[in-house]
Amino acid sequence: MPKVKPSKDIQPLSTFRANAASLVQQVRETKRPLVLTQHGRSAAVVLDVGEYEAMVDQIELLRDVRRAEYQLDSGQGIDSDNAEAQLRARVEG
Protein backbone atom coordinates (compact mmCIF):
# COMPACT_ATOMS: atom_id res chain seq x y z
CA MET A 1 0.00 0.00 0.00
CA PRO A 2 1.47 3.37 -0.96
CA LYS A 3 2.36 5.74 1.86
CA VAL A 4 0.08 8.58 2.89
CA LYS A 5 1.00 11.99 1.50
CA PRO A 6 -0.05 14.33 4.31
CA SER A 7 -0.67 17.30 2.01
CA LYS A 8 -3.19 15.33 -0.08
CA ASP A 9 -4.30 12.34 1.96
CA ILE A 10 -5.42 13.89 5.24
CA GLN A 11 -8.74 15.68 5.06
CA PRO A 12 -11.31 16.96 7.54
CA LEU A 13 -14.53 14.98 7.67
CA SER A 14 -16.42 18.09 6.53
CA THR A 15 -14.31 18.22 3.34
CA PHE A 16 -15.00 14.53 2.75
CA ARG A 17 -18.74 15.09 3.14
CA ALA A 18 -18.64 17.90 0.58
CA ASN A 19 -16.37 16.07 -1.88
CA ALA A 20 -16.94 12.37 -1.22
CA ALA A 21 -17.09 11.26 -4.86
CA SER A 22 -13.87 12.98 -5.90
CA LEU A 23 -12.00 11.88 -2.77
CA VAL A 24 -13.10 8.26 -3.23
CA GLN A 25 -11.94 8.50 -6.85
CA GLN A 26 -8.57 9.81 -5.58
CA VAL A 27 -8.27 6.78 -3.29
CA ARG A 28 -9.11 4.43 -6.16
CA GLU A 29 -6.60 6.01 -8.54
CA THR A 30 -3.68 6.49 -6.14
CA LYS A 31 -4.29 3.38 -3.99
CA ARG A 32 -3.24 5.57 -1.05
CA PRO A 33 -5.40 5.63 2.09
CA LEU A 34 -7.30 8.79 2.96
CA VAL A 35 -7.18 9.80 6.62
CA LEU A 36 -10.23 11.70 7.81
CA THR A 37 -9.98 14.03 10.78
CA GLN A 38 -12.61 15.27 13.17
CA HIS A 39 -11.87 18.17 15.50
CA GLY A 40 -8.25 18.06 14.32
CA ARG A 41 -7.68 14.41 15.25
CA SER A 42 -7.60 11.35 13.03
CA ALA A 43 -11.01 9.67 13.06
CA ALA A 44 -11.25 7.25 10.13
CA VAL A 45 -9.42 5.86 7.12
CA VAL A 46 -10.85 5.33 3.63
CA LEU A 47 -9.11 2.53 1.70
CA ASP A 48 -9.27 1.22 -1.85
CA VAL A 49 -11.09 -2.12 -1.79
CA GLY A 50 -8.21 -4.00 -3.45
CA GLU A 51 -5.70 -2.52 -1.01
CA TYR A 52 -7.96 -3.43 1.91
CA GLU A 53 -8.32 -7.03 0.70
CA ALA A 54 -4.54 -7.33 0.23
CA MET A 55 -3.98 -5.97 3.74
CA VAL A 56 -6.44 -8.48 5.24
CA ASP A 57 -4.75 -11.32 3.32
CA GLN A 58 -1.34 -10.25 4.66
CA ILE A 59 -2.65 -10.12 8.22
CA GLU A 60 -4.15 -13.60 7.90
CA LEU A 61 -0.88 -14.96 6.49
CA LEU A 62 1.10 -13.40 9.34
CA ARG A 63 -1.31 -14.93 11.87
CA ASP A 64 -0.83 -18.34 10.25
CA VAL A 65 2.96 -17.95 10.38
CA ARG A 66 2.82 -16.86 14.01
CA ARG A 67 0.59 -19.83 14.88
CA ALA A 68 2.97 -22.21 13.08
CA GLU A 69 5.99 -20.74 14.89
CA TYR A 70 4.21 -21.14 18.22
CA GLN A 71 3.36 -24.75 17.41
CA LEU A 72 6.96 -25.50 16.43
CA ASP A 73 8.31 -23.81 19.56
CA SER A 74 5.95 -25.83 21.76
CA GLY A 75 6.92 -29.13 20.15
CA GLN A 76 3.70 -29.58 18.17
CA GLY A 77 5.37 -29.48 14.76
CA ILE A 78 6.64 -32.38 12.68
CA ASP A 79 9.69 -32.59 10.45
CA SER A 80 9.34 -32.43 6.67
CA ASP A 81 10.01 -36.16 6.13
CA ASN A 82 7.25 -37.10 8.56
CA ALA A 83 4.89 -34.54 7.00
CA GLU A 84 5.60 -35.92 3.53
CA ALA A 85 4.94 -39.48 4.72
CA GLN A 86 1.63 -38.45 6.28
CA LEU A 87 0.55 -36.65 3.11
CA ARG A 88 1.49 -39.63 0.94
CA ALA A 89 -0.50 -41.93 3.22
CA ARG A 90 -3.56 -39.70 2.87
CA VAL A 91 -3.27 -39.51 -0.91
CA GLU A 92 -2.58 -43.21 -1.40
CA GLY A 93 -4.86 -44.51 1.33
PDB file of N, CA and C in Angstrom:
ATOM      1  N   MET A   1       0.847  -1.166   0.000  1.00  0.00           N
ATOM      2  CA  MET A   1       0.000   0.000   0.000  1.00  0.00           C
ATOM      3  C   MET A   1       0.897   1.234   0.000  1.00  0.00           C
ATOM      4  N   PRO A   2       0.661   2.151  -0.920  1.00  0.00           N
ATOM      5  CA  PRO A   2       1.471   3.372  -0.955  1.00  0.00           C
ATOM      6  C   PRO A   2       1.330   4.179   0.336  1.00  0.00           C
ATOM      7  N   LYS A   3       2.370   4.937   0.646  1.00  0.00           N
ATOM      8  CA  LYS A   3       2.365   5.744   1.859  1.00  0.00           C
ATOM      9  C   LYS A   3       1.446   6.952   1.709  1.00  0.00           C
ATOM     10  N   VAL A   4       0.935   7.393   2.838  1.00  0.00           N
ATOM     11  CA  VAL A   4       0.083   8.579   2.890  1.00  0.00           C
ATOM     12  C   VAL A   4       0.920   9.815   2.591  1.00  0.00           C
ATOM     13  N   LYS A   5       0.388  10.685   1.735  1.00  0.00           N
ATOM     14  CA  LYS A   5       0.995  11.991   1.498  1.00  0.00           C
ATOM     15  C   LYS A   5       0.180  12.994   2.308  1.00  0.00           C
ATOM     16  N   PRO A   6       0.738  13.480   3.417  1.00  0.00           N
ATOM     17  CA  PRO A   6      -0.049  14.331   4.311  1.00  0.00           C
ATOM     18  C   PRO A   6      -0.715  15.526   3.634  1.00  0.00           C
ATOM     19  N   SER A   7      -0.076  16.122   2.654  1.00  0.00           N
ATOM     20  CA  SER A   7      -0.666  17.301   2.009  1.00  0.00           C
ATOM     21  C   SER A   7      -1.904  16.970   1.187  1.00  0.00           C
ATOM     22  N   LYS A   8      -2.059  15.712   0.772  1.00  0.00           N
ATOM     23  CA  LYS A   8      -3.187  15.333  -0.078  1.00  0.00           C
ATOM     24  C   LYS A   8      -4.095  14.291   0.557  1.00  0.00           C
ATOM     25  N   ASP A   9      -3.574  13.513   1.478  1.00  0.00           N
ATOM     26  CA  ASP A   9      -4.296  12.339   1.958  1.00  0.00           C
ATOM     27  C   ASP A   9      -4.835  12.462   3.378  1.00  0.00           C
ATOM     28  N   ILE A  10      -4.809  13.650   3.931  1.00  0.00           N
ATOM     29  CA  ILE A  10      -5.422  13.893   5.236  1.00  0.00           C
ATOM     30  C   ILE A  10      -6.419  15.024   5.045  1.00  0.00           C
ATOM     31  N   GLN A  11      -7.674  14.716   5.306  1.00  0.00           N
ATOM     32  CA  GLN A  11      -8.738  15.685   5.061  1.00  0.00           C
ATOM     33  C   GLN A  11      -9.707  15.715   6.239  1.00  0.00           C
ATOM     34  N   PRO A  12     -10.259  16.895   6.520  1.00  0.00           N
ATOM     35  CA  PRO A  12     -11.309  16.960   7.539  1.00  0.00           C
ATOM     36  C   PRO A  12     -12.557  16.219   7.064  1.00  0.00           C
ATOM     37  N   LEU A  13     -13.300  15.685   7.992  1.00  0.00           N
ATOM     38  CA  LEU A  13     -14.534  14.980   7.671  1.00  0.00           C
ATOM     39  C   LEU A  13     -15.494  15.881   6.900  1.00  0.00           C
ATOM     40  N   SER A  14     -15.527  17.156   7.239  1.00  0.00           N
ATOM     41  CA  SER A  14     -16.417  18.091   6.532  1.00  0.00           C
ATOM     42  C   SER A  14     -16.041  18.203   5.058  1.00  0.00           C
ATOM     43  N   THR A  15     -14.760  18.185   4.739  1.00  0.00           N
ATOM     44  CA  THR A  15     -14.314  18.216   3.340  1.00  0.00           C
ATOM     45  C   THR A  15     -14.713  16.928   2.637  1.00  0.00           C
ATOM     46  N   PHE A  16     -14.597  15.808   3.343  1.00  0.00           N
ATOM     47  CA  PHE A  16     -15.003  14.534   2.748  1.00  0.00           C
ATOM     48  C   PHE A  16     -16.497  14.538   2.441  1.00  0.00           C
ATOM     49  N   ARG A  17     -17.294  15.031   3.376  1.00  0.00           N
ATOM     50  CA  ARG A  17     -18.744  15.093   3.138  1.00  0.00           C
ATOM     51  C   ARG A  17     -19.061  15.906   1.888  1.00  0.00           C
ATOM     52  N   ALA A  18     -18.372  17.012   1.714  1.00  0.00           N
ATOM     53  CA  ALA A  18     -18.643  17.904   0.583  1.00  0.00           C
ATOM     54  C   ALA A  18     -18.082  17.379  -0.729  1.00  0.00           C
ATOM     55  N   ASN A  19     -17.066  16.525  -0.670  1.00  0.00           N
ATOM     56  CA  ASN A  19     -16.370  16.071  -1.878  1.00  0.00           C
ATOM     57  C   ASN A  19     -16.172  14.559  -1.900  1.00  0.00           C
ATOM     58  N   ALA A  20     -17.116  13.816  -1.385  1.00  0.00           N
ATOM     59  CA  ALA A  20     -16.944  12.370  -1.224  1.00  0.00           C
ATOM     60  C   ALA A  20     -16.597  11.676  -2.531  1.00  0.00           C
ATOM     61  N   ALA A  21     -17.320  11.961  -3.593  1.00  0.00           N
ATOM     62  CA  ALA A  21     -17.092  11.256  -4.862  1.00  0.00           C
ATOM     63  C   ALA A  21     -15.675  11.478  -5.377  1.00  0.00           C
ATOM     64  N   SER A  22     -15.211  12.716  -5.369  1.00  0.00           N
ATOM     65  CA  SER A  22     -13.867  12.982  -5.901  1.00  0.00           C
ATOM     66  C   SER A  22     -12.783  12.415  -4.985  1.00  0.00           C
ATOM     67  N   LEU A  23     -12.999  12.432  -3.686  1.00  0.00           N
ATOM     68  CA  LEU A  23     -11.997  11.878  -2.773  1.00  0.00           C
ATOM     69  C   LEU A  23     -11.951  10.355  -2.858  1.00  0.00           C
ATOM     70  N   VAL A  24     -13.099   9.714  -3.031  1.00  0.00           N
ATOM     71  CA  VAL A  24     -13.100   8.261  -3.230  1.00  0.00           C
ATOM     72  C   VAL A  24     -12.398   7.926  -4.541  1.00  0.00           C
ATOM     73  N   GLN A  25     -12.631   8.719  -5.571  1.00  0.00           N
ATOM     74  CA  GLN A  25     -11.938   8.504  -6.848  1.00  0.00           C
ATOM     75  C   GLN A  25     -10.425   8.651  -6.667  1.00  0.00           C
ATOM     76  N   GLN A  26     -10.004   9.630  -5.874  1.00  0.00           N
ATOM     77  CA  GLN A  26      -8.573   9.815  -5.582  1.00  0.00           C
ATOM     78  C   GLN A  26      -8.004   8.561  -4.930  1.00  0.00           C
ATOM     79  N   VAL A  27      -8.724   7.995  -3.972  1.00  0.00           N
ATOM     80  CA  VAL A  27      -8.272   6.778  -3.287  1.00  0.00           C
ATOM     81  C   VAL A  27      -8.160   5.630  -4.283  1.00  0.00           C
ATOM     82  N   ARG A  28      -9.143   5.502  -5.157  1.00  0.00           N
ATOM     83  CA  ARG A  28      -9.112   4.426  -6.158  1.00  0.00           C
ATOM     84  C   ARG A  28      -7.926   4.572  -7.104  1.00  0.00           C
ATOM     85  N   GLU A  29      -7.670   5.785  -7.552  1.00  0.00           N
ATOM     86  CA  GLU A  29      -6.602   6.014  -8.536  1.00  0.00           C
ATOM     87  C   GLU A  29      -5.211   5.897  -7.927  1.00  0.00           C
ATOM     88  N   THR A  30      -5.022   6.456  -6.743  1.00  0.00           N
ATOM     89  CA  THR A  30      -3.682   6.490  -6.142  1.00  0.00           C
ATOM     90  C   THR A  30      -3.369   5.249  -5.312  1.00  0.00           C
ATOM     91  N   LYS A  31      -4.427   4.545  -4.889  1.00  0.00           N
ATOM     92  CA  LYS A  31      -4.291   3.382  -3.993  1.00  0.00           C
ATOM     93  C   LYS A  31      -3.772   3.781  -2.616  1.00  0.00           C
ATOM     94  N   ARG A  32      -3.683   5.094  -2.359  1.00  0.00           N
ATOM     95  CA  ARG A  32      -3.244   5.569  -1.046  1.00  0.00           C
ATOM     96  C   ARG A  32      -4.459   5.716  -0.130  1.00  0.00           C
ATOM     97  N   PRO A  33      -4.297   5.422   1.158  1.00  0.00           N
ATOM     98  CA  PRO A  33      -5.404   5.630   2.091  1.00  0.00           C
ATOM     99  C   PRO A  33      -5.677   7.116   2.294  1.00  0.00           C
ATOM    100  N   LEU A  34      -6.900   7.427   2.641  1.00  0.00           N
ATOM    101  CA  LEU A  34      -7.302   8.794   2.955  1.00  0.00           C
ATOM    102  C   LEU A  34      -7.651   8.834   4.435  1.00  0.00           C
ATOM    103  N   VAL A  35      -6.937   9.659   5.186  1.00  0.00           N
ATOM    104  CA  VAL A  35      -7.177   9.796   6.617  1.00  0.00           C
ATOM    105  C   VAL A  35      -8.148  10.951   6.821  1.00  0.00           C
ATOM    106  N   LEU A  36      -9.242  10.672   7.519  1.00  0.00           N
ATOM    107  CA  LEU A  36     -10.229  11.705   7.805  1.00  0.00           C
ATOM    108  C   LEU A  36     -10.061  12.163   9.245  1.00  0.00           C
ATOM    109  N   THR A  37     -10.128  13.470   9.435  1.00  0.00           N
ATOM    110  CA  THR A  37      -9.983  14.029  10.776  1.00  0.00           C
ATOM    111  C   THR A  37     -11.305  14.625  11.240  1.00  0.00           C
ATOM    112  N   GLN A  38     -11.446  14.650  12.546  1.00  0.00           N
ATOM    113  CA  GLN A  38     -12.610  15.271  13.169  1.00  0.00           C
ATOM    114  C   GLN A  38     -12.095  16.024  14.382  1.00  0.00           C
ATOM    115  N   HIS A  39     -12.373  17.307  14.431  1.00  0.00           N
ATOM    116  CA  HIS A  39     -11.871  18.169  15.499  1.00  0.00           C
ATOM    117  C   HIS A  39     -10.345  18.118  15.573  1.00  0.00           C
ATOM    118  N   GLY A  40      -9.701  18.032  14.401  1.00  0.00           N
ATOM    119  CA  GLY A  40      -8.251  18.063  14.325  1.00  0.00           C
ATOM    120  C   GLY A  40      -7.538  16.763  14.657  1.00  0.00           C
ATOM    121  N   ARG A  41      -8.290  15.702  14.901  1.00  0.00           N
ATOM    122  CA  ARG A  41      -7.679  14.413  15.247  1.00  0.00           C
ATOM    123  C   ARG A  41      -8.117  13.361  14.243  1.00  0.00           C
ATOM    124  N   SER A  42      -7.238  12.410  13.972  1.00  0.00           N
ATOM    125  CA  SER A  42      -7.597  11.349  13.032  1.00  0.00           C
ATOM    126  C   SER A  42      -8.809  10.593  13.570  1.00  0.00           C
ATOM    127  N   ALA A  43      -9.761  10.304  12.654  1.00  0.00           N
ATOM    128  CA  ALA A  43     -11.012   9.671  13.065  1.00  0.00           C
ATOM    129  C   ALA A  43     -11.336   8.422  12.255  1.00  0.00           C
ATOM    130  N   ALA A  44     -10.918   8.390  10.987  1.00  0.00           N
ATOM    131  CA  ALA A  44     -11.254   7.252  10.130  1.00  0.00           C
ATOM    132  C   ALA A  44     -10.285   7.201   8.960  1.00  0.00           C
ATOM    133  N   VAL A  45     -10.262   6.042   8.296  1.00  0.00           N
ATOM    134  CA  VAL A  45      -9.418   5.861   7.116  1.00  0.00           C
ATOM    135  C   VAL A  45     -10.279   5.279   6.003  1.00  0.00           C
ATOM    136  N   VAL A  46     -10.161   5.851   4.810  1.00  0.00           N
ATOM    137  CA  VAL A  46     -10.845   5.331   3.628  1.00  0.00           C
ATOM    138  C   VAL A  46      -9.793   4.615   2.792  1.00  0.00           C
ATOM    139  N   LEU A  47     -10.066   3.336   2.460  1.00  0.00           N
ATOM    140  CA  LEU A  47      -9.115   2.525   1.702  1.00  0.00           C
ATOM    141  C   LEU A  47      -9.722   2.059   0.392  1.00  0.00           C
ATOM    142  N   ASP A  48      -8.879   1.890  -0.620  1.00  0.00           N
ATOM    143  CA  ASP A  48      -9.271   1.224  -1.850  1.00  0.00           C
ATOM    144  C   ASP A  48      -9.609  -0.225  -1.506  1.00  0.00           C
ATOM    145  N   VAL A  49     -10.650  -0.766  -2.115  1.00  0.00           N
ATOM    146  CA  VAL A  49     -11.092  -2.123  -1.789  1.00  0.00           C
ATOM    147  C   VAL A  49      -9.985  -3.148  -2.029  1.00  0.00           C
ATOM    148  N   GLY A  50      -9.294  -3.054  -3.153  1.00  0.00           N
ATOM    149  CA  GLY A  50      -8.212  -3.997  -3.447  1.00  0.00           C
ATOM    150  C   GLY A  50      -7.090  -3.913  -2.433  1.00  0.00           C
ATOM    151  N   GLU A  51      -6.746  -2.701  -2.023  1.00  0.00           N
ATOM    152  CA  GLU A  51      -5.701  -2.521  -1.014  1.00  0.00           C
ATOM    153  C   GLU A  51      -6.150  -3.088   0.331  1.00  0.00           C
ATOM    154  N   TYR A  52      -7.420  -2.888   0.666  1.00  0.00           N
ATOM    155  CA  TYR A  52      -7.964  -3.434   1.911  1.00  0.00           C
ATOM    156  C   TYR A  52      -7.901  -4.959   1.898  1.00  0.00           C
ATOM    157  N   GLU A  53      -8.346  -5.569   0.795  1.00  0.00           N
ATOM    158  CA  GLU A  53      -8.321  -7.028   0.696  1.00  0.00           C
ATOM    159  C   GLU A  53      -6.899  -7.568   0.801  1.00  0.00           C
ATOM    160  N   ALA A  54      -5.947  -6.897   0.157  1.00  0.00           N
ATOM    161  CA  ALA A  54      -4.545  -7.327   0.229  1.00  0.00           C
ATOM    162  C   ALA A  54      -4.024  -7.221   1.662  1.00  0.00           C
ATOM    163  N   MET A  55      -4.414  -6.161   2.361  1.00  0.00           N
ATOM    164  CA  MET A  55      -3.983  -5.973   3.743  1.00  0.00           C
ATOM    165  C   MET A  55      -4.549  -7.080   4.636  1.00  0.00           C
ATOM    166  N   VAL A  56      -5.828  -7.410   4.455  1.00  0.00           N
ATOM    167  CA  VAL A  56      -6.444  -8.482   5.240  1.00  0.00           C
ATOM    168  C   VAL A  56      -5.750  -9.812   4.948  1.00  0.00           C
ATOM    169  N   ASP A  57      -5.452 -10.082   3.679  1.00  0.00           N
ATOM    170  CA  ASP A  57      -4.749 -11.318   3.316  1.00  0.00           C
ATOM    171  C   ASP A  57      -3.382 -11.394   3.997  1.00  0.00           C
ATOM    172  N   GLN A  58      -2.656 -10.275   4.018  1.00  0.00           N
ATOM    173  CA  GLN A  58      -1.338 -10.253   4.662  1.00  0.00           C
ATOM    174  C   GLN A  58      -1.452 -10.507   6.158  1.00  0.00           C
ATOM    175  N   ILE A  59      -2.453  -9.917   6.782  1.00  0.00           N
ATOM    176  CA  ILE A  59      -2.654 -10.119   8.222  1.00  0.00           C
ATOM    177  C   ILE A  59      -2.953 -11.581   8.509  1.00  0.00           C
ATOM    178  N   GLU A  60      -3.819 -12.189   7.698  1.00  0.00           N
ATOM    179  CA  GLU A  60      -4.151 -13.603   7.897  1.00  0.00           C
ATOM    180  C   GLU A  60      -2.922 -14.489   7.711  1.00  0.00           C
ATOM    181  N   LEU A  61      -2.102 -14.187   6.710  1.00  0.00           N
ATOM    182  CA  LEU A  61      -0.882 -14.959   6.492  1.00  0.00           C
ATOM    183  C   LEU A  61       0.065 -14.822   7.683  1.00  0.00           C
ATOM    184  N   LEU A  62       0.234 -13.606   8.182  1.00  0.00           N
ATOM    185  CA  LEU A  62       1.104 -13.396   9.344  1.00  0.00           C
ATOM    186  C   LEU A  62       0.585 -14.134  10.576  1.00  0.00           C
ATOM    187  N   ARG A  63      -0.731 -14.169  10.752  1.00  0.00           N
ATOM    188  CA  ARG A  63      -1.305 -14.933  11.869  1.00  0.00           C
ATOM    189  C   ARG A  63      -1.006 -16.418  11.713  1.00  0.00           C
ATOM    190  N   ASP A  64      -1.129 -16.927  10.490  1.00  0.00           N
ATOM    191  CA  ASP A  64      -0.826 -18.342  10.245  1.00  0.00           C
ATOM    192  C   ASP A  64       0.636 -18.645  10.541  1.00  0.00           C
ATOM    193  N   VAL A  65       1.527 -17.757  10.121  1.00  0.00           N
ATOM    194  CA  VAL A  65       2.960 -17.946  10.379  1.00  0.00           C
ATOM    195  C   VAL A  65       3.228 -17.915  11.879  1.00  0.00           C
ATOM    196  N   ARG A  66       2.626 -16.960  12.565  1.00  0.00           N
ATOM    197  CA  ARG A  66       2.823 -16.855  14.014  1.00  0.00           C
ATOM    198  C   ARG A  66       2.313 -18.111  14.720  1.00  0.00           C
ATOM    199  N   ARG A  67       1.150 -18.614  14.296  1.00  0.00           N
ATOM    200  CA  ARG A  67       0.591 -19.834  14.885  1.00  0.00           C
ATOM    201  C   ARG A  67       1.529 -21.018  14.636  1.00  0.00           C
ATOM    202  N   ALA A  68       2.054 -21.115  13.418  1.00  0.00           N
ATOM    203  CA  ALA A  68       2.970 -22.212  13.083  1.00  0.00           C
ATOM    204  C   ALA A  68       4.249 -22.122  13.910  1.00  0.00           C
ATOM    205  N   GLU A  69       4.779 -20.908  14.074  1.00  0.00           N
ATOM    206  CA  GLU A  69       5.986 -20.739  14.887  1.00  0.00           C
ATOM    207  C   GLU A  69       5.725 -21.144  16.336  1.00  0.00           C
ATOM    208  N   TYR A  70       4.570 -20.763  16.856  1.00  0.00           N
ATOM    209  CA  TYR A  70       4.213 -21.144  18.224  1.00  0.00           C
ATOM    210  C   TYR A  70       4.134 -22.662  18.351  1.00  0.00           C
ATOM    211  N   GLN A  71       3.489 -23.297  17.372  1.00  0.00           N
ATOM    212  CA  GLN A  71       3.360 -24.751  17.411  1.00  0.00           C
ATOM    213  C   GLN A  71       4.723 -25.430  17.354  1.00  0.00           C
ATOM    214  N   LEU A  72       5.610 -24.927  16.507  1.00  0.00           N
ATOM    215  CA  LEU A  72       6.959 -25.502  16.432  1.00  0.00           C
ATOM    216  C   LEU A  72       7.712 -25.311  17.744  1.00  0.00           C
ATOM    217  N   ASP A  73       7.618 -24.098  18.301  1.00  0.00           N
ATOM    218  CA  ASP A  73       8.313 -23.811  19.560  1.00  0.00           C
ATOM    219  C   ASP A  73       7.795 -24.659  20.713  1.00  0.00           C
ATOM    220  N   SER A  74       6.527 -25.035  20.663  1.00  0.00           N
ATOM    221  CA  SER A  74       5.953 -25.826  21.759  1.00  0.00           C
ATOM    222  C   SER A  74       5.991 -27.324  21.476  1.00  0.00           C
ATOM    223  N   GLY A  75       6.736 -27.715  20.434  1.00  0.00           N
ATOM    224  CA  GLY A  75       6.919 -29.129  20.148  1.00  0.00           C
ATOM    225  C   GLY A  75       5.767 -29.791  19.413  1.00  0.00           C
ATOM    226  N   GLN A  76       4.857 -29.011  18.861  1.00  0.00           N
ATOM    227  CA  GLN A  76       3.704 -29.579  18.167  1.00  0.00           C
ATOM    228  C   GLN A  76       3.972 -29.830  16.686  1.00  0.00           C
ATOM    229  N   GLY A  77       5.074 -29.335  16.188  1.00  0.00           N
ATOM    230  CA  GLY A  77       5.374 -29.479  14.763  1.00  0.00           C
ATOM    231  C   GLY A  77       5.952 -30.842  14.436  1.00  0.00           C
ATOM    232  N   ILE A  78       6.011 -31.139  13.144  1.00  0.00           N
ATOM    233  CA  ILE A  78       6.638 -32.380  12.680  1.00  0.00           C
ATOM    234  C   ILE A  78       7.653 -32.023  11.607  1.00  0.00           C
ATOM    235  N   ASP A  79       8.666 -32.875  11.456  1.00  0.00           N
ATOM    236  CA  ASP A  79       9.687 -32.587  10.453  1.00  0.00           C
ATOM    237  C   ASP A  79       9.132 -32.848   9.050  1.00  0.00           C
ATOM    238  N   SER A  80       9.839 -32.363   8.053  1.00  0.00           N
ATOM    239  CA  SER A  80       9.341 -32.432   6.672  1.00  0.00           C
ATOM    240  C   SER A  80       9.207 -33.865   6.171  1.00  0.00           C
ATOM    241  N   ASP A  81      10.113 -34.758   6.562  1.00  0.00           N
ATOM    242  CA  ASP A  81      10.015 -36.163   6.134  1.00  0.00           C
ATOM    243  C   ASP A  81       8.740 -36.808   6.675  1.00  0.00           C
ATOM    244  N   ASN A  82       8.448 -36.549   7.937  1.00  0.00           N
ATOM    245  CA  ASN A  82       7.246 -37.096   8.558  1.00  0.00           C
ATOM    246  C   ASN A  82       5.993 -36.492   7.915  1.00  0.00           C
ATOM    247  N   ALA A  83       6.026 -35.203   7.645  1.00  0.00           N
ATOM    248  CA  ALA A  83       4.886 -34.542   6.999  1.00  0.00           C
ATOM    249  C   ALA A  83       4.644 -35.131   5.618  1.00  0.00           C
ATOM    250  N   GLU A  84       5.724 -35.337   4.872  1.00  0.00           N
ATOM    251  CA  GLU A  84       5.597 -35.923   3.533  1.00  0.00           C
ATOM    252  C   GLU A  84       5.005 -37.326   3.609  1.00  0.00           C
ATOM    253  N   ALA A  85       5.457 -38.116   4.560  1.00  0.00           N
ATOM    254  CA  ALA A  85       4.939 -39.481   4.720  1.00  0.00           C
ATOM    255  C   ALA A  85       3.450 -39.467   5.062  1.00  0.00           C
ATOM    256  N   GLN A  86       3.044 -38.547   5.923  1.00  0.00           N
ATOM    257  CA  GLN A  86       1.629 -38.447   6.285  1.00  0.00           C
ATOM    258  C   GLN A  86       0.781 -38.025   5.085  1.00  0.00           C
ATOM    259  N   LEU A  87       1.281 -37.091   4.297  1.00  0.00           N
ATOM    260  CA  LEU A  87       0.548 -36.649   3.105  1.00  0.00           C
ATOM    261  C   LEU A  87       0.435 -37.768   2.081  1.00  0.00           C
ATOM    262  N   ARG A  88       1.523 -38.500   1.881  1.00  0.00           N
ATOM    263  CA  ARG A  88       1.486 -39.635   0.939  1.00  0.00           C
ATOM    264  C   ARG A  88       0.473 -40.683   1.395  1.00  0.00           C
ATOM    265  N   ALA A  89       0.444 -40.945   2.688  1.00  0.00           N
ATOM    266  CA  ALA A  89      -0.498 -41.934   3.222  1.00  0.00           C
ATOM    267  C   ALA A  89      -1.941 -41.492   2.982  1.00  0.00           C
ATOM    268  N   ARG A  90      -2.208 -40.215   3.129  1.00  0.00           N
ATOM    269  CA  ARG A  90      -3.562 -39.703   2.872  1.00  0.00           C
ATOM    270  C   ARG A  90      -3.936 -39.831   1.403  1.00  0.00           C
ATOM    271  N   VAL A  91      -3.002 -39.480   0.529  1.00  0.00           N
ATOM    272  CA  VAL A  91      -3.269 -39.514  -0.910  1.00  0.00           C
ATOM    273  C   VAL A  91      -3.432 -40.949  -1.395  1.00  0.00           C
ATOM    274  N   GLU A  92      -2.572 -41.819  -0.928  1.00  0.00           N
ATOM    275  CA  GLU A  92      -2.580 -43.210  -1.395  1.00  0.00           C
ATOM    276  C   GLU A  92      -3.611 -44.066  -0.661  1.00  0.00           C
ATOM    277  N   GLY A  93      -4.005 -43.662   0.516  1.00  0.00           N
ATOM    278  CA  GLY A  93      -4.864 -44.510   1.334  1.00  0.00           C
ATOM    279  C   GLY A  93      -6.263 -44.128   1.270  1.00  0.00           C
TER     280      GLY A  93
END
